[in-house]
Amino acid sequence: MRLKTEEIIRGVYLIGGPGVTASNDAAIYLIAFADELVLIDAGAGSSTAQVVRNIEMLGLNPASISHLILTHCHIDHIGSAPYFQKHYNTKIIIHELDAPPVEKGDSIRTAANWYETTFPPTKVDREIKGEREILQFGAEQLHCLHTPGHTPGSISIYLDREGKRVLFGQDIHGPFHKAFGSDIQAWKKSMQLLLLLKADILCEGHFGIYHPKEKVRDYIERYLEEYS
């Protein structure tokens, strides 16, 4: 049975992922700002039409998606990115260290070979550089933090809205593989950084949405203990 989209907090929606779209999609989140929409990750690419329908069923216009932020370069997160770029002129944003696999269509670094598929070389419109960048959308800000570990250019994103801190920490659980360029020691430092945020809500990439902040902390600490 397919689940419905979910409003997590005002204007922040889960619109894709296992049970919502295709089983091979990582979670896809949509943020509505005053005059534009921002997509966080884009699934594996096989359910693009359903993702678009889900947006429309919320009463929102996919053509208003100004930016697509990719938390890292793996196919289950980037698959529909070329579609949104081509059809809606959506600007693709990713950290500079994960941009090359996207632009080259690298089947190993994008993990497309794991899914027995391919990813076309796709232009990145903006690269997040360094440890942190703040993206301004109207009166609100999206904070993009470099949180390497799963991949060299993994990022986590947070938004403060209505007195709550919403953290989009997609694959903070791993896995870690040499082919991905994973670094477990860098990951441990990244997780300590995320714990300092004291987020109220965690929007994870594969295992659901966690709140209140005690459950967010417990989720991160559980993986730190597992990989200690």
N, C-alpha and C. Protein backbone atom coordinates (compact mmCIF):
# COMPACT_ATOMS: atom_id res chain seq x y z
N MET A 1 0.85 -1.20 0.00
CA MET A 1 0.00 0.00 0.00
C MET A 1 0.89 1.25 0.00
N ARG A 2 0.64 2.15 -0.90
CA ARG A 2 1.45 3.36 -1.01
C ARG A 2 1.00 4.38 0.03
N LEU A 3 1.96 4.93 0.75
CA LEU A 3 1.66 5.93 1.74
C LEU A 3 1.45 7.28 1.07
N LYS A 4 0.83 8.19 1.80
CA LYS A 4 0.63 9.53 1.29
C LYS A 4 1.83 10.41 1.63
N THR A 5 1.89 11.54 0.94
CA THR A 5 2.88 12.53 1.32
C THR A 5 2.58 13.00 2.74
N GLU A 6 3.57 13.59 3.36
CA GLU A 6 3.41 13.99 4.76
C GLU A 6 3.93 15.40 4.95
N GLU A 7 3.15 16.22 5.64
CA GLU A 7 3.65 17.54 6.04
C GLU A 7 4.32 17.39 7.40
N ILE A 8 5.60 17.64 7.46
CA ILE A 8 6.39 17.42 8.67
C ILE A 8 6.26 18.58 9.62
N ILE A 9 6.35 19.76 9.10
CA ILE A 9 6.12 21.01 9.79
C ILE A 9 5.62 21.95 8.71
N ARG A 10 5.10 23.10 9.07
CA ARG A 10 4.48 23.95 8.05
C ARG A 10 5.40 24.15 6.84
N GLY A 11 4.90 23.72 5.67
CA GLY A 11 5.62 23.95 4.43
C GLY A 11 6.81 23.05 4.19
N VAL A 12 6.97 22.01 4.99
CA VAL A 12 8.05 21.04 4.77
C VAL A 12 7.41 19.67 4.59
N TYR A 13 7.63 19.06 3.45
CA TYR A 13 6.91 17.84 3.07
C TYR A 13 7.85 16.70 2.72
N LEU A 14 7.43 15.49 3.09
CA LEU A 14 8.03 14.28 2.54
C LEU A 14 7.21 13.92 1.31
N ILE A 15 7.86 13.89 0.14
CA ILE A 15 7.10 13.65 -1.10
C ILE A 15 7.57 12.41 -1.86
N GLY A 16 8.62 11.75 -1.35
CA GLY A 16 9.10 10.56 -2.03
C GLY A 16 9.95 9.72 -1.11
N GLY A 17 10.16 8.48 -1.52
CA GLY A 17 10.94 7.54 -0.74
C GLY A 17 10.19 6.22 -0.64
N PRO A 18 10.78 5.23 0.00
CA PRO A 18 10.13 3.92 0.13
C PRO A 18 8.74 4.05 0.74
N GLY A 19 7.76 3.42 0.10
CA GLY A 19 6.39 3.49 0.57
C GLY A 19 5.62 4.69 0.06
N VAL A 20 6.35 5.72 -0.40
CA VAL A 20 5.68 6.91 -0.95
C VAL A 20 5.79 6.91 -2.46
N THR A 21 6.99 6.62 -2.95
CA THR A 21 7.18 6.46 -4.40
C THR A 21 7.75 5.06 -4.64
N ALA A 22 9.00 4.96 -5.07
CA ALA A 22 9.59 3.65 -5.36
C ALA A 22 10.48 3.19 -4.21
N SER A 23 10.62 1.88 -4.08
CA SER A 23 11.41 1.32 -2.98
C SER A 23 12.89 1.67 -3.07
N ASN A 24 13.36 1.98 -4.28
CA ASN A 24 14.78 2.31 -4.42
C ASN A 24 15.06 3.81 -4.32
N ASP A 25 14.03 4.60 -4.04
CA ASP A 25 14.22 6.03 -3.82
C ASP A 25 14.65 6.29 -2.38
N ALA A 26 15.66 7.13 -2.20
CA ALA A 26 15.88 7.71 -0.89
C ALA A 26 14.76 8.72 -0.64
N ALA A 27 14.64 9.15 0.59
CA ALA A 27 13.60 10.13 0.92
C ALA A 27 13.80 11.42 0.13
N ILE A 28 12.70 11.99 -0.31
CA ILE A 28 12.70 13.25 -1.05
C ILE A 28 11.88 14.25 -0.24
N TYR A 29 12.47 15.40 0.04
CA TYR A 29 11.80 16.41 0.84
C TYR A 29 11.61 17.69 0.02
N LEU A 30 10.52 18.37 0.29
CA LEU A 30 10.19 19.62 -0.41
C LEU A 30 9.93 20.70 0.63
N ILE A 31 10.54 21.86 0.41
CA ILE A 31 10.35 23.00 1.31
C ILE A 31 9.69 24.13 0.53
N ALA A 32 8.58 24.62 1.06
CA ALA A 32 7.89 25.76 0.44
C ALA A 32 8.32 27.04 1.15
N PHE A 33 8.93 27.92 0.40
CA PHE A 33 9.27 29.25 0.90
C PHE A 33 8.22 30.22 0.37
N ALA A 34 8.39 31.49 0.64
CA ALA A 34 7.36 32.47 0.30
C ALA A 34 7.04 32.47 -1.19
N ASP A 35 8.08 32.46 -2.03
CA ASP A 35 7.85 32.61 -3.47
C ASP A 35 8.46 31.49 -4.31
N GLU A 36 8.99 30.46 -3.66
CA GLU A 36 9.63 29.40 -4.43
C GLU A 36 9.66 28.12 -3.62
N LEU A 37 9.96 27.03 -4.31
CA LEU A 37 10.08 25.72 -3.69
C LEU A 37 11.52 25.24 -3.82
N VAL A 38 11.96 24.49 -2.83
CA VAL A 38 13.29 23.89 -2.86
C VAL A 38 13.15 22.40 -2.58
N LEU A 39 13.79 21.61 -3.42
CA LEU A 39 13.76 20.16 -3.31
C LEU A 39 15.07 19.69 -2.67
N ILE A 40 14.97 18.77 -1.74
CA ILE A 40 16.15 18.15 -1.16
C ILE A 40 16.17 16.69 -1.58
N ASP A 41 17.09 16.39 -2.45
CA ASP A 41 17.28 15.08 -3.08
C ASP A 41 16.14 14.75 -4.05
N ALA A 42 16.38 13.74 -4.90
CA ALA A 42 15.48 13.55 -6.04
C ALA A 42 15.21 12.09 -6.38
N GLY A 43 15.46 11.18 -5.45
CA GLY A 43 15.15 9.78 -5.72
C GLY A 43 16.05 9.16 -6.77
N ALA A 44 15.74 7.91 -7.12
CA ALA A 44 16.59 7.14 -8.02
C ALA A 44 16.30 7.38 -9.50
N GLY A 45 15.17 8.04 -9.79
CA GLY A 45 14.88 8.41 -11.17
C GLY A 45 13.76 7.64 -11.83
N SER A 46 13.36 6.50 -11.27
CA SER A 46 12.32 5.70 -11.90
C SER A 46 10.91 6.19 -11.57
N SER A 47 10.79 7.04 -10.57
CA SER A 47 9.46 7.47 -10.13
C SER A 47 9.25 8.97 -10.28
N THR A 48 9.95 9.56 -11.24
CA THR A 48 9.87 11.01 -11.43
C THR A 48 8.44 11.48 -11.62
N ALA A 49 7.67 10.79 -12.42
CA ALA A 49 6.29 11.20 -12.69
C ALA A 49 5.47 11.22 -11.40
N GLN A 50 5.68 10.24 -10.54
CA GLN A 50 4.95 10.18 -9.28
C GLN A 50 5.37 11.31 -8.35
N VAL A 51 6.65 11.63 -8.35
CA VAL A 51 7.13 12.75 -7.54
C VAL A 51 6.46 14.04 -7.98
N VAL A 52 6.39 14.25 -9.28
CA VAL A 52 5.73 15.45 -9.81
C VAL A 52 4.25 15.46 -9.41
N ARG A 53 3.59 14.32 -9.53
CA ARG A 53 2.17 14.24 -9.14
C ARG A 53 2.00 14.54 -7.65
N ASN A 54 2.89 14.04 -6.84
CA ASN A 54 2.79 14.28 -5.40
C ASN A 54 2.90 15.77 -5.08
N ILE A 55 3.77 16.46 -5.80
CA ILE A 55 3.89 17.90 -5.60
C ILE A 55 2.60 18.60 -6.01
N GLU A 56 2.06 18.20 -7.14
CA GLU A 56 0.82 18.81 -7.63
C GLU A 56 -0.35 18.51 -6.70
N MET A 57 -0.36 17.32 -6.11
CA MET A 57 -1.46 16.95 -5.21
C MET A 57 -1.42 17.77 -3.91
N LEU A 58 -0.28 18.34 -3.61
CA LEU A 58 -0.18 19.24 -2.46
C LEU A 58 -0.67 20.64 -2.81
N GLY A 59 -1.05 20.84 -4.07
CA GLY A 59 -1.49 22.15 -4.52
C GLY A 59 -0.34 23.06 -4.88
N LEU A 60 0.83 22.47 -5.12
CA LEU A 60 2.03 23.25 -5.45
C LEU A 60 2.43 23.01 -6.89
N ASN A 61 3.16 23.96 -7.45
CA ASN A 61 3.55 23.91 -8.86
C ASN A 61 5.01 23.48 -9.00
N PRO A 62 5.28 22.34 -9.62
CA PRO A 62 6.67 21.91 -9.79
C PRO A 62 7.55 22.93 -10.50
N ALA A 63 6.94 23.76 -11.32
CA ALA A 63 7.71 24.78 -12.03
C ALA A 63 8.27 25.84 -11.08
N SER A 64 7.77 25.85 -9.84
CA SER A 64 8.26 26.80 -8.84
C SER A 64 9.47 26.28 -8.07
N ILE A 65 9.96 25.07 -8.42
CA ILE A 65 11.13 24.53 -7.76
C ILE A 65 12.37 25.21 -8.32
N SER A 66 12.88 26.17 -7.57
CA SER A 66 14.02 26.96 -8.07
C SER A 66 15.33 26.22 -7.91
N HIS A 67 15.45 25.42 -6.83
CA HIS A 67 16.71 24.75 -6.54
C HIS A 67 16.47 23.32 -6.07
N LEU A 68 17.38 22.46 -6.45
CA LEU A 68 17.43 21.08 -5.97
C LEU A 68 18.78 20.90 -5.29
N ILE A 69 18.74 20.65 -3.98
CA ILE A 69 19.97 20.46 -3.22
C ILE A 69 20.19 18.95 -3.06
N LEU A 70 21.32 18.48 -3.51
CA LEU A 70 21.66 17.06 -3.43
C LEU A 70 22.57 16.86 -2.22
N THR A 71 22.16 15.99 -1.31
CA THR A 71 22.94 15.80 -0.08
C THR A 71 24.22 15.04 -0.35
N HIS A 72 24.25 14.26 -1.41
CA HIS A 72 25.48 13.62 -1.88
C HIS A 72 25.22 13.03 -3.26
N CYS A 73 26.20 12.33 -3.80
CA CYS A 73 26.17 12.03 -5.24
C CYS A 73 25.60 10.65 -5.59
N HIS A 74 24.94 9.96 -4.69
CA HIS A 74 24.48 8.61 -5.00
C HIS A 74 23.16 8.60 -5.76
N ILE A 75 23.02 7.62 -6.62
CA ILE A 75 21.92 7.55 -7.59
C ILE A 75 20.55 7.60 -6.94
N ASP A 76 20.39 6.99 -5.76
CA ASP A 76 19.07 6.98 -5.11
C ASP A 76 18.69 8.36 -4.58
N HIS A 77 19.62 9.31 -4.67
CA HIS A 77 19.36 10.69 -4.25
C HIS A 77 19.36 11.67 -5.43
N ILE A 78 19.96 11.28 -6.54
CA ILE A 78 20.17 12.24 -7.64
C ILE A 78 19.44 11.86 -8.93
N GLY A 79 18.77 10.70 -8.95
CA GLY A 79 18.28 10.13 -10.20
C GLY A 79 17.38 11.03 -11.03
N SER A 80 16.50 11.79 -10.36
CA SER A 80 15.57 12.65 -11.11
C SER A 80 16.10 14.05 -11.33
N ALA A 81 17.31 14.31 -10.88
CA ALA A 81 17.86 15.67 -11.01
C ALA A 81 17.88 16.17 -12.45
N PRO A 82 18.32 15.35 -13.44
CA PRO A 82 18.33 15.85 -14.82
C PRO A 82 16.94 16.25 -15.32
N TYR A 83 15.91 15.53 -14.88
CA TYR A 83 14.54 15.85 -15.31
C TYR A 83 14.14 17.23 -14.81
N PHE A 84 14.33 17.49 -13.52
CA PHE A 84 13.92 18.79 -12.98
C PHE A 84 14.73 19.92 -13.58
N GLN A 85 16.00 19.67 -13.84
CA GLN A 85 16.83 20.69 -14.46
C GLN A 85 16.34 21.00 -15.88
N LYS A 86 16.01 19.97 -16.63
CA LYS A 86 15.60 20.15 -18.03
C LYS A 86 14.21 20.74 -18.15
N HIS A 87 13.25 20.24 -17.37
CA HIS A 87 11.85 20.62 -17.56
C HIS A 87 11.43 21.86 -16.77
N TYR A 88 12.11 22.15 -15.66
CA TYR A 88 11.69 23.29 -14.84
C TYR A 88 12.82 24.29 -14.60
N ASN A 89 13.95 24.08 -15.25
CA ASN A 89 15.11 24.96 -15.08
C ASN A 89 15.54 25.05 -13.62
N THR A 90 15.33 23.97 -12.89
CA THR A 90 15.74 23.89 -11.50
C THR A 90 17.27 23.86 -11.42
N LYS A 91 17.83 24.66 -10.52
CA LYS A 91 19.28 24.73 -10.36
C LYS A 91 19.74 23.64 -9.40
N ILE A 92 20.74 22.88 -9.81
CA ILE A 92 21.27 21.78 -9.01
C ILE A 92 22.43 22.27 -8.16
N ILE A 93 22.34 21.97 -6.87
CA ILE A 93 23.37 22.36 -5.91
C ILE A 93 23.91 21.10 -5.24
N ILE A 94 25.23 21.00 -5.12
CA ILE A 94 25.86 19.88 -4.43
C ILE A 94 27.22 20.35 -3.94
N HIS A 95 27.79 19.68 -2.95
CA HIS A 95 29.11 20.07 -2.46
C HIS A 95 30.16 19.83 -3.55
N GLU A 96 31.17 20.67 -3.55
CA GLU A 96 32.21 20.60 -4.59
C GLU A 96 32.91 19.24 -4.66
N LEU A 97 33.01 18.53 -3.55
CA LEU A 97 33.70 17.24 -3.56
C LEU A 97 32.87 16.11 -4.15
N ASP A 98 31.55 16.30 -4.20
CA ASP A 98 30.67 15.29 -4.81
C ASP A 98 30.15 15.72 -6.18
N ALA A 99 30.54 16.91 -6.63
CA ALA A 99 30.09 17.38 -7.94
C ALA A 99 30.68 16.59 -9.10
N PRO A 100 31.98 16.23 -9.09
CA PRO A 100 32.57 15.54 -10.24
C PRO A 100 31.86 14.25 -10.65
N PRO A 101 31.48 13.35 -9.72
CA PRO A 101 30.77 12.14 -10.15
C PRO A 101 29.45 12.44 -10.86
N VAL A 102 28.76 13.52 -10.43
CA VAL A 102 27.50 13.90 -11.07
C VAL A 102 27.76 14.41 -12.48
N GLU A 103 28.76 15.26 -12.62
CA GLU A 103 29.03 15.86 -13.92
C GLU A 103 29.64 14.86 -14.89
N LYS A 104 30.32 13.86 -14.37
CA LYS A 104 30.92 12.84 -15.24
C LYS A 104 30.00 11.65 -15.48
N GLY A 105 28.95 11.52 -14.67
CA GLY A 105 28.12 10.32 -14.75
C GLY A 105 28.90 9.08 -14.32
N ASP A 106 29.71 9.23 -13.30
CA ASP A 106 30.58 8.15 -12.81
C ASP A 106 29.73 7.05 -12.18
N SER A 107 29.71 5.89 -12.82
CA SER A 107 28.80 4.82 -12.38
C SER A 107 29.20 4.23 -11.04
N ILE A 108 30.47 4.35 -10.68
CA ILE A 108 30.93 3.81 -9.39
C ILE A 108 30.67 4.80 -8.27
N ARG A 109 31.15 6.03 -8.43
CA ARG A 109 30.98 7.02 -7.36
C ARG A 109 29.52 7.43 -7.16
N THR A 110 28.71 7.32 -8.20
CA THR A 110 27.28 7.59 -8.03
C THR A 110 26.53 6.36 -7.54
N ALA A 111 27.22 5.22 -7.46
CA ALA A 111 26.62 3.94 -7.05
C ALA A 111 25.57 3.46 -8.04
N ALA A 112 25.57 4.02 -9.24
CA ALA A 112 24.61 3.57 -10.26
C ALA A 112 24.83 2.10 -10.59
N ASN A 113 26.08 1.66 -10.53
CA ASN A 113 26.35 0.25 -10.82
C ASN A 113 25.73 -0.67 -9.78
N TRP A 114 25.58 -0.20 -8.55
CA TRP A 114 24.91 -0.99 -7.52
C TRP A 114 23.45 -1.24 -7.88
N TYR A 115 22.86 -0.27 -8.56
CA TYR A 115 21.44 -0.34 -8.91
C TYR A 115 21.24 -0.87 -10.34
N GLU A 116 22.34 -1.31 -10.93
CA GLU A 116 22.30 -1.86 -12.30
C GLU A 116 21.66 -0.87 -13.26
N THR A 117 22.09 0.38 -13.15
CA THR A 117 21.59 1.43 -14.02
C THR A 117 22.73 2.39 -14.34
N THR A 118 22.42 3.48 -14.99
CA THR A 118 23.41 4.50 -15.31
C THR A 118 22.86 5.87 -14.93
N PHE A 119 23.74 6.84 -14.85
CA PHE A 119 23.34 8.22 -14.60
C PHE A 119 24.03 9.09 -15.64
N PRO A 120 23.27 9.91 -16.35
CA PRO A 120 23.88 10.72 -17.41
C PRO A 120 24.71 11.86 -16.84
N PRO A 121 25.82 12.18 -17.46
CA PRO A 121 26.57 13.36 -17.02
C PRO A 121 25.65 14.58 -16.95
N THR A 122 25.65 15.24 -15.81
CA THR A 122 24.68 16.30 -15.54
C THR A 122 25.39 17.51 -14.96
N LYS A 123 25.16 18.66 -15.54
CA LYS A 123 25.81 19.89 -15.10
C LYS A 123 25.32 20.29 -13.72
N VAL A 124 26.26 20.64 -12.87
CA VAL A 124 25.96 21.20 -11.55
C VAL A 124 25.94 22.72 -11.68
N ASP A 125 24.90 23.35 -11.15
CA ASP A 125 24.76 24.80 -11.30
C ASP A 125 25.49 25.59 -10.22
N ARG A 126 25.58 24.99 -9.04
CA ARG A 126 26.28 25.68 -7.94
C ARG A 126 26.91 24.64 -7.04
N GLU A 127 28.15 24.88 -6.64
CA GLU A 127 28.85 24.00 -5.73
C GLU A 127 28.94 24.63 -4.35
N ILE A 128 28.56 23.86 -3.34
CA ILE A 128 28.80 24.26 -1.96
C ILE A 128 30.30 24.09 -1.70
N LYS A 129 30.93 25.12 -1.20
CA LYS A 129 32.38 25.08 -1.00
C LYS A 129 32.71 25.18 0.49
N GLY A 130 33.71 24.42 0.90
CA GLY A 130 34.18 24.52 2.27
C GLY A 130 33.24 23.84 3.26
N GLU A 131 33.28 24.35 4.49
CA GLU A 131 32.61 23.68 5.60
C GLU A 131 31.14 24.06 5.75
N ARG A 132 30.77 25.25 5.28
CA ARG A 132 29.40 25.73 5.53
C ARG A 132 29.04 26.82 4.54
N GLU A 133 27.80 26.75 4.05
CA GLU A 133 27.25 27.86 3.27
C GLU A 133 25.81 28.07 3.68
N ILE A 134 25.39 29.31 3.65
CA ILE A 134 24.01 29.65 3.96
C ILE A 134 23.33 30.12 2.70
N LEU A 135 22.22 29.48 2.37
CA LEU A 135 21.44 29.84 1.18
C LEU A 135 20.21 30.62 1.63
N GLN A 136 19.99 31.77 1.03
CA GLN A 136 18.90 32.66 1.42
C GLN A 136 17.70 32.44 0.50
N PHE A 137 16.54 32.21 1.09
CA PHE A 137 15.29 32.08 0.34
C PHE A 137 14.26 32.98 1.00
N GLY A 138 14.05 34.15 0.40
CA GLY A 138 13.18 35.12 1.03
C GLY A 138 13.79 35.55 2.36
N ALA A 139 12.98 35.49 3.41
CA ALA A 139 13.44 35.89 4.74
C ALA A 139 14.07 34.73 5.51
N GLU A 140 14.09 33.54 4.90
CA GLU A 140 14.58 32.35 5.60
C GLU A 140 15.90 31.87 5.02
N GLN A 141 16.57 31.03 5.81
CA GLN A 141 17.87 30.54 5.41
C GLN A 141 17.94 29.02 5.51
N LEU A 142 18.63 28.41 4.55
CA LEU A 142 18.99 27.01 4.63
C LEU A 142 20.50 26.94 4.91
N HIS A 143 20.85 26.26 5.97
CA HIS A 143 22.25 26.12 6.36
C HIS A 143 22.75 24.79 5.83
N CYS A 144 23.77 24.84 4.98
CA CYS A 144 24.35 23.64 4.38
C CYS A 144 25.70 23.38 5.03
N LEU A 145 25.81 22.24 5.71
CA LEU A 145 27.01 21.89 6.44
C LEU A 145 27.72 20.73 5.76
N HIS A 146 29.02 20.86 5.57
CA HIS A 146 29.80 19.76 5.02
C HIS A 146 29.95 18.70 6.10
N THR A 147 29.37 17.52 5.87
CA THR A 147 29.43 16.43 6.84
C THR A 147 29.96 15.17 6.15
N PRO A 148 31.24 15.17 5.80
CA PRO A 148 31.82 14.03 5.08
C PRO A 148 31.83 12.77 5.93
N GLY A 149 31.95 11.65 5.24
CA GLY A 149 31.98 10.36 5.90
C GLY A 149 31.42 9.29 5.00
N HIS A 150 30.14 9.38 4.71
CA HIS A 150 29.51 8.46 3.77
C HIS A 150 30.12 8.65 2.39
N THR A 151 30.22 9.89 1.94
CA THR A 151 30.96 10.28 0.75
C THR A 151 31.80 11.51 1.11
N PRO A 152 32.80 11.84 0.30
CA PRO A 152 33.63 13.01 0.61
C PRO A 152 32.84 14.31 0.66
N GLY A 153 31.82 14.44 -0.16
CA GLY A 153 31.08 15.69 -0.25
C GLY A 153 29.68 15.63 0.33
N SER A 154 29.43 14.72 1.25
CA SER A 154 28.11 14.67 1.88
C SER A 154 27.85 15.97 2.64
N ILE A 155 26.61 16.44 2.55
CA ILE A 155 26.20 17.61 3.32
C ILE A 155 24.94 17.29 4.12
N SER A 156 24.76 18.03 5.19
CA SER A 156 23.52 18.02 5.94
C SER A 156 22.98 19.43 5.93
N ILE A 157 21.68 19.57 6.00
CA ILE A 157 21.02 20.86 5.82
C ILE A 157 20.07 21.08 6.98
N TYR A 158 20.02 22.31 7.49
CA TYR A 158 18.99 22.55 8.49
C TYR A 158 18.27 23.88 8.24
N LEU A 159 17.04 23.88 8.73
CA LEU A 159 16.13 25.01 8.57
C LEU A 159 15.50 25.28 9.93
N ASP A 160 15.48 26.53 10.35
CA ASP A 160 14.77 26.93 11.56
C ASP A 160 13.44 27.54 11.16
N ARG A 161 12.35 26.93 11.61
CA ARG A 161 11.01 27.40 11.25
C ARG A 161 10.05 27.13 12.41
N GLU A 162 9.27 28.15 12.75
CA GLU A 162 8.26 28.03 13.80
C GLU A 162 8.84 27.52 15.11
N GLY A 163 10.04 27.99 15.44
CA GLY A 163 10.65 27.61 16.71
C GLY A 163 11.22 26.21 16.73
N LYS A 164 11.28 25.55 15.58
CA LYS A 164 11.82 24.20 15.49
C LYS A 164 13.01 24.18 14.53
N ARG A 165 13.98 23.35 14.86
CA ARG A 165 15.12 23.15 13.96
C ARG A 165 14.94 21.82 13.25
N VAL A 166 14.81 21.89 11.91
CA VAL A 166 14.60 20.70 11.09
C VAL A 166 15.91 20.37 10.40
N LEU A 167 16.41 19.17 10.66
CA LEU A 167 17.68 18.72 10.10
C LEU A 167 17.44 17.67 9.03
N PHE A 168 17.97 17.93 7.84
CA PHE A 168 17.92 16.96 6.75
C PHE A 168 19.28 16.27 6.73
N GLY A 169 19.34 15.10 7.35
CA GLY A 169 20.58 14.35 7.46
C GLY A 169 20.40 13.02 6.75
N GLN A 170 20.57 13.04 5.45
CA GLN A 170 20.09 11.94 4.64
C GLN A 170 20.74 10.59 4.94
N ASP A 171 22.00 10.41 4.67
CA ASP A 171 22.61 9.10 4.88
C ASP A 171 23.65 9.15 5.99
N ILE A 172 23.27 9.79 7.09
CA ILE A 172 24.21 9.89 8.20
C ILE A 172 24.45 8.54 8.86
N HIS A 173 23.66 7.54 8.51
CA HIS A 173 23.85 6.20 9.05
C HIS A 173 24.89 5.40 8.26
N GLY A 174 25.38 5.93 7.14
CA GLY A 174 26.26 5.17 6.26
C GLY A 174 25.47 4.67 5.06
N PRO A 175 25.90 3.57 4.44
CA PRO A 175 27.03 2.71 4.77
C PRO A 175 28.35 3.33 4.33
N PHE A 176 29.43 2.63 4.66
CA PHE A 176 30.77 3.12 4.38
C PHE A 176 31.51 2.09 3.53
N HIS A 177 31.93 2.55 2.35
CA HIS A 177 32.62 1.65 1.43
C HIS A 177 33.77 2.40 0.76
N LYS A 178 34.84 1.68 0.49
CA LYS A 178 36.00 2.27 -0.17
C LYS A 178 35.62 2.87 -1.52
N ALA A 179 34.73 2.17 -2.25
CA ALA A 179 34.32 2.65 -3.57
C ALA A 179 33.61 4.00 -3.51
N PHE A 180 33.01 4.32 -2.36
CA PHE A 180 32.32 5.60 -2.18
C PHE A 180 33.27 6.71 -1.75
N GLY A 181 34.51 6.35 -1.40
CA GLY A 181 35.41 7.33 -0.80
C GLY A 181 35.05 7.61 0.64
N SER A 182 34.44 6.63 1.31
CA SER A 182 33.99 6.82 2.69
C SER A 182 35.16 7.00 3.64
N ASP A 183 34.89 7.72 4.73
CA ASP A 183 35.92 7.98 5.74
C ASP A 183 35.24 7.95 7.10
N ILE A 184 35.42 6.87 7.84
CA ILE A 184 34.71 6.68 9.11
C ILE A 184 35.14 7.69 10.16
N GLN A 185 36.41 8.08 10.15
CA GLN A 185 36.87 9.06 11.14
C GLN A 185 36.28 10.45 10.85
N ALA A 186 36.23 10.81 9.59
CA ALA A 186 35.60 12.08 9.22
C ALA A 186 34.13 12.05 9.57
N TRP A 187 33.48 10.90 9.39
CA TRP A 187 32.06 10.75 9.72
C TRP A 187 31.81 10.97 11.20
N LYS A 188 32.67 10.43 12.04
CA LYS A 188 32.48 10.61 13.50
C LYS A 188 32.52 12.08 13.87
N LYS A 189 33.43 12.84 13.26
CA LYS A 189 33.49 14.28 13.51
C LYS A 189 32.22 14.97 13.00
N SER A 190 31.72 14.50 11.85
CA SER A 190 30.50 15.08 11.29
C SER A 190 29.32 14.86 12.23
N MET A 191 29.24 13.67 12.82
CA MET A 191 28.13 13.38 13.72
C MET A 191 28.19 14.23 14.99
N GLN A 192 29.40 14.49 15.47
CA GLN A 192 29.53 15.37 16.64
C GLN A 192 29.04 16.77 16.30
N LEU A 193 29.32 17.22 15.08
CA LEU A 193 28.83 18.52 14.62
C LEU A 193 27.30 18.55 14.61
N LEU A 194 26.69 17.48 14.11
CA LEU A 194 25.23 17.43 14.06
C LEU A 194 24.62 17.38 15.45
N LEU A 195 25.25 16.70 16.37
CA LEU A 195 24.73 16.66 17.74
C LEU A 195 24.69 18.05 18.36
N LEU A 196 25.67 18.88 18.01
CA LEU A 196 25.72 20.24 18.55
C LEU A 196 24.56 21.10 18.07
N LEU A 197 23.94 20.71 16.96
CA LEU A 197 22.81 21.49 16.43
C LEU A 197 21.56 21.37 17.29
N LYS A 198 21.46 20.28 18.05
CA LYS A 198 20.28 20.02 18.90
C LYS A 198 18.99 20.16 18.11
N ALA A 199 18.94 19.49 16.97
CA ALA A 199 17.78 19.57 16.09
C ALA A 199 16.53 18.97 16.75
N ASP A 200 15.39 19.58 16.47
CA ASP A 200 14.11 19.07 16.99
C ASP A 200 13.55 17.95 16.14
N ILE A 201 13.87 17.99 14.84
CA ILE A 201 13.33 17.01 13.89
C ILE A 201 14.47 16.57 12.97
N LEU A 202 14.60 15.27 12.77
CA LEU A 202 15.56 14.73 11.82
C LEU A 202 14.81 14.09 10.67
N CYS A 203 15.05 14.58 9.46
CA CYS A 203 14.50 13.99 8.24
C CYS A 203 15.61 13.14 7.63
N GLU A 204 15.52 11.84 7.82
CA GLU A 204 16.57 10.92 7.42
C GLU A 204 16.32 10.45 6.00
N GLY A 205 17.32 9.79 5.42
CA GLY A 205 17.23 9.42 4.01
C GLY A 205 16.55 8.11 3.72
N HIS A 206 16.56 7.20 4.70
CA HIS A 206 16.02 5.87 4.45
C HIS A 206 15.18 5.31 5.59
N PHE A 207 15.34 5.87 6.78
CA PHE A 207 14.73 5.23 7.95
C PHE A 207 13.72 6.09 8.68
N GLY A 208 13.21 7.14 8.02
CA GLY A 208 12.09 7.85 8.61
C GLY A 208 12.42 9.22 9.16
N ILE A 209 11.47 9.74 9.91
CA ILE A 209 11.52 11.09 10.49
C ILE A 209 11.50 10.94 12.00
N TYR A 210 12.44 11.60 12.67
CA TYR A 210 12.61 11.43 14.11
C TYR A 210 12.37 12.75 14.83
N HIS A 211 11.59 12.70 15.91
CA HIS A 211 11.36 13.83 16.80
C HIS A 211 10.75 13.28 18.08
N PRO A 212 10.88 13.99 19.20
CA PRO A 212 11.51 15.29 19.40
C PRO A 212 13.04 15.17 19.44
N LYS A 213 13.69 16.21 19.96
CA LYS A 213 15.15 16.27 19.87
C LYS A 213 15.84 15.12 20.59
N GLU A 214 15.21 14.56 21.61
CA GLU A 214 15.82 13.43 22.31
C GLU A 214 15.96 12.22 21.38
N LYS A 215 14.95 12.01 20.53
CA LYS A 215 15.01 10.90 19.58
C LYS A 215 16.01 11.16 18.47
N VAL A 216 16.17 12.42 18.09
CA VAL A 216 17.18 12.78 17.09
C VAL A 216 18.57 12.46 17.65
N ARG A 217 18.81 12.91 18.87
CA ARG A 217 20.10 12.65 19.50
C ARG A 217 20.35 11.14 19.64
N ASP A 218 19.34 10.41 20.09
CA ASP A 218 19.49 8.96 20.28
C ASP A 218 19.81 8.26 18.96
N TYR A 219 19.19 8.72 17.87
CA TYR A 219 19.42 8.11 16.56
C TYR A 219 20.89 8.26 16.16
N ILE A 220 21.41 9.47 16.29
CA ILE A 220 22.80 9.71 15.90
C ILE A 220 23.76 8.97 16.83
N GLU A 221 23.50 9.03 18.12
CA GLU A 221 24.40 8.37 19.08
C GLU A 221 24.41 6.85 18.92
N ARG A 222 23.28 6.30 18.49
CA ARG A 222 23.23 4.84 18.28
C ARG A 222 24.21 4.42 17.20
N TYR A 223 24.29 5.19 16.11
CA TYR A 223 25.23 4.84 15.05
C TYR A 223 26.68 5.13 15.48
N LEU A 224 26.88 6.17 16.24
CA LEU A 224 28.24 6.43 16.75
C LEU A 224 28.72 5.26 17.61
N GLU A 225 27.82 4.73 18.41
CA GLU A 225 28.18 3.58 19.24
C GLU A 225 28.44 2.33 18.38
N GLU A 226 27.61 2.17 17.34
CA GLU A 226 27.75 1.00 16.48
C GLU A 226 29.10 0.98 15.77
N TYR A 227 29.58 2.17 15.37
CA TYR A 227 30.84 2.25 14.62
C TYR A 227 32.02 2.66 15.48
N SER A 228 31.86 2.61 16.80
CA SER A 228 32.95 3.01 17.69
C SER A 228 34.08 1.98 17.70
